[in-house]
Amino acid sequence: MSSAFAIAEAGVVMPQVLSPFEESVNSLRVEALGSEHKEEVLTFLSRRSIHTVCMAGYIGDNGIVSPLNRGFFYGCRDEAGCLQGVALIGHATLLEAQSDEALRAFAQLKHEYSVSHLVRGEHQMIERFWRHYAEFGHTPRLARRELLYELRTAPRLEGRTPELQLATLNDLEEIMTINSEMIVSECGIDPLKKDPLGFRERMARRIKQGRIWVWRKDGRLIFKVDVFAHTLAMSYIEGVYVAPQERGHGHGLRCMSQLSRILLQHSQSICLLINQQKEGLAAFYEKAGFQFRGVYDTIYLHPEAN
C-alpha cells in the first residue's frame, strides 16, 4: 500500500571498495566519507530527520563504509571544512544539501562515478538536483510523485487488537513474492528475475534484523509491513500490505494502530511515502493518524545511463 523503497533492492550489487574520489567544485570540496566521519554525518542528518532517516538508517545498520549500503557516502564541504551536503550515491541515490552549489557538485559526481537505479528526495531538492544532472544529457526512465506522511501518536481504534509478530525465515518465500509484486507495480522491474539471489539475501537479512512484521489469521498472512530504516528520531516503513480478500474489514487500520504502538516505543515518530497516483491511500493513512508533511520525487534512471 505504501510506496516501496524496497525498489532499491531490485538491482545490481555495488563495488565493495570505497571510491577514492575527492574533487573541488567551485568553492566546495567533495570527498568520500569514511568511518571517522560517522558522528559528524549523523549530526548533520539529524537536523532534518524526517528527510534523512534512510541515510541515517543505513549508517546505523551498516556504518558509513559497507557493501550493504550498495553505494558510497560523500560529503560536500565549504572552505571552512563544514558539511554543506551529504549524499549516498549508489544503487539508490539519496541527497541532503544546504545549498544549490552542493547539489550541483553531487550531480557532477553522480554523472561521473556511480551506478544508480533511482534518485529520491524532497521535491524541491530533487528538482534542483535534476536541473544540474540533466545538463549532462540525462533523462528519466520513469518519474513518480509521492506524498510524505508522519505519525507521532498512535491512534486508538475500536475492535480486537491483532497480534502482530516478527516475521521468521518461514515467511521468506511469501514475503519475497509480495514485495516483488509491489516493486513491479512501482517501477516495472521484477527483482525475482533481475537479481533473485541478491533479493533473497536482502529480504532474509531484513527478517533476521527484526524489521518485518506480519499478522496471520487461521494460518494465512493477512498483513505485512517492512521497517526499512530505524533511528531514535524516526522509523521509516514501507511495503504495507493487506491480503486482497481481507480488505475493507478494518484489518489494515487495526494492524497499523498496533504497529504504531510498537514502533513509537523506540522512535519519536514514524514516516512513510505513498504513490500520489494511488487514490485512497492518503485517506487510509490519515484515518490511521498520519499527517501530510511534504511532496517527494522518485526518478528511475535508464540502465544505459549507468
Foldseek 3Di string as FASTA:
>chain_A
DFADPCLLLQADQADQDFDQDWDDQVQKIKGFDAQVCLVVVVVVCVVPCLFCQLVNQCCVVPNQRGSVLQFTKMFIAGPVRHTQWIWGAGQEIEIDGNDLSVLLVVLVCNLPDYDYFKYKGFPVSVVSSVVNNCVVVFDFPDKFKKFKKKFQDQDDDDDDAFDKDQDAVVCLVVVLVLSQVSSCVVPNGRSCPHPVVSSSVVSNVQSVVSFKIFTDDPNHTAWIKGQSGDDQAETEIDSTDGPPVPPPPCPSLSNLSVVQVVRCVRHRMYMGMHTPVDPPPVVVVVVRRIDTDHMMMMTGGDNVSD
